[in-house]
């Protein structure tokens, strides 16, 4: 009985969601998409003073992306190499708000 209720709910959602349930999984809000300009080796410049791990990156300082951290197919954080050689993890929300990508 509970199984038929689940089937009915899924069928109802497939009608409500454009493209069906499979189409809804493929579409993602633009704000959650990984920026295409972030890659290993890219240089980032701090647009404000930013605290990362136990260090502070001063406005105007640059860091290099050392590793991309992905969860469920989305980049959620990056490991950056600081000027002293240490590696620190920075959330993508912080990257978007506190850094800019330097041209190559």
Protein backbone atom coordinates (compact mmCIF):
# COMPACT_ATOMS: atom_id res chain seq x y z
CA UNK A 1 0.00 0.00 0.00
CA UNK A 2 2.78 2.45 0.88
CA UNK A 3 4.63 1.46 -2.30
CA UNK A 4 1.69 2.46 -4.49
CA UNK A 5 1.54 5.85 -2.73
CA UNK A 6 5.21 6.47 -3.54
CA UNK A 7 4.63 5.52 -7.18
CA UNK A 8 1.67 7.91 -7.35
CA UNK A 9 3.70 10.78 -5.86
CA UNK A 10 6.62 10.19 -8.25
CA UNK A 11 4.24 10.04 -11.21
CA UNK A 12 2.58 13.29 -10.09
CA UNK A 13 5.98 15.00 -9.76
CA UNK A 14 6.99 13.86 -13.24
CA UNK A 15 3.94 15.65 -14.62
CA UNK A 16 4.53 18.85 -12.59
CA UNK A 17 8.28 19.17 -13.28
CA UNK A 18 8.99 20.26 -16.88
CA UNK A 19 10.92 17.53 -18.63
CA UNK A 20 9.88 14.92 -16.06
CA UNK A 21 11.82 13.83 -13.01
CA UNK A 22 14.91 12.97 -15.06
CA UNK A 23 15.01 16.46 -16.59
CA UNK A 24 14.82 18.08 -13.16
CA UNK A 25 17.99 16.31 -12.01
CA UNK A 26 19.93 17.61 -15.02
CA UNK A 27 18.98 21.24 -14.46
CA UNK A 28 20.83 23.15 -11.76
CA UNK A 29 20.45 26.72 -10.60
CA UNK A 30 23.05 29.03 -12.14
CA UNK A 31 24.42 29.98 -8.70
CA UNK A 32 25.41 26.36 -7.96
CA UNK A 33 27.29 25.84 -11.22
CA UNK A 34 31.03 25.60 -10.96
CA UNK A 35 32.75 28.60 -12.48
CA UNK A 36 34.53 27.60 -15.65
CA UNK A 37 37.49 29.87 -14.94
CA UNK A 38 38.58 27.98 -11.80
CA UNK A 39 41.15 25.27 -12.51
CA UNK A 40 44.36 23.92 -11.04
CA UNK A 41 47.16 26.43 -11.56
CA UNK A 42 44.90 29.48 -11.80
CA UNK A 43 46.07 32.51 -9.80
CA UNK A 44 43.55 34.24 -7.54
CA UNK A 45 43.91 37.76 -6.14
CA UNK A 46 42.27 38.70 -2.84
CA UNK A 47 39.88 41.64 -3.25
CA UNK A 48 39.62 41.97 0.55
CA UNK A 49 41.49 40.66 3.57
CA UNK A 50 40.49 36.98 3.85
CA UNK A 51 41.09 34.52 6.66
CA UNK A 52 41.86 31.05 5.31
CA UNK A 53 42.67 28.25 7.70
CA UNK A 54 45.02 29.85 10.27
CA UNK A 55 46.41 32.43 7.87
CA UNK A 56 45.18 35.73 6.54
CA UNK A 57 45.50 36.64 2.89
CA UNK A 58 45.85 40.40 2.58
CA UNK A 59 43.95 42.35 -0.05
CA UNK A 60 45.96 42.35 -3.28
CA UNK A 61 47.88 39.17 -2.42
CA UNK A 62 47.76 36.24 -4.79
CA UNK A 63 47.37 32.51 -4.25
CA UNK A 64 47.49 29.61 -6.67
CA UNK A 65 44.80 26.92 -6.98
CA UNK A 66 46.46 23.60 -6.14
CA UNK A 67 43.43 21.26 -6.11
CA UNK A 68 39.70 21.30 -6.83
CA UNK A 69 37.40 19.70 -4.25
CA UNK A 70 34.24 18.24 -5.78
CA UNK A 71 31.10 16.88 -4.18
CA UNK A 72 28.30 15.43 -6.28
CA UNK A 73 29.87 16.77 -9.46
CA UNK A 74 30.17 20.36 -8.22
CA UNK A 75 33.28 22.21 -7.10
CA UNK A 76 32.63 23.03 -3.44
CA UNK A 77 36.10 24.19 -2.40
CA UNK A 78 39.63 24.64 -3.62
CA UNK A 79 42.99 24.05 -2.01
CA UNK A 80 45.19 27.08 -2.54
CA UNK A 81 48.93 27.42 -2.14
CA UNK A 82 49.82 30.39 0.03
CA UNK A 83 52.93 32.53 -0.43
CA UNK A 84 54.79 30.55 2.25
CA UNK A 85 54.05 27.24 0.50
CA UNK A 86 51.33 26.05 2.87
CA UNK A 87 48.11 24.66 1.42
CA UNK A 88 44.74 25.94 2.72
CA UNK A 89 41.22 24.91 1.79
CA UNK A 90 38.83 27.70 0.76
CA UNK A 91 35.08 27.24 0.20
CA UNK A 92 33.79 28.28 -3.23
CA UNK A 93 31.48 30.82 -1.60
CA UNK A 94 34.56 32.55 -0.19
CA UNK A 95 36.39 32.28 -3.52
CA UNK A 96 33.45 33.95 -5.30
CA UNK A 97 33.15 36.80 -2.81
CA UNK A 98 36.76 37.46 -1.77
CA UNK A 99 38.93 36.60 -4.78
CA UNK A 100 39.15 37.40 -8.46
CA UNK A 101 40.74 35.24 -11.14
CA UNK A 102 43.86 36.81 -12.61
CA UNK A 103 44.30 36.72 -16.37
CA UNK A 104 47.01 34.36 -17.56
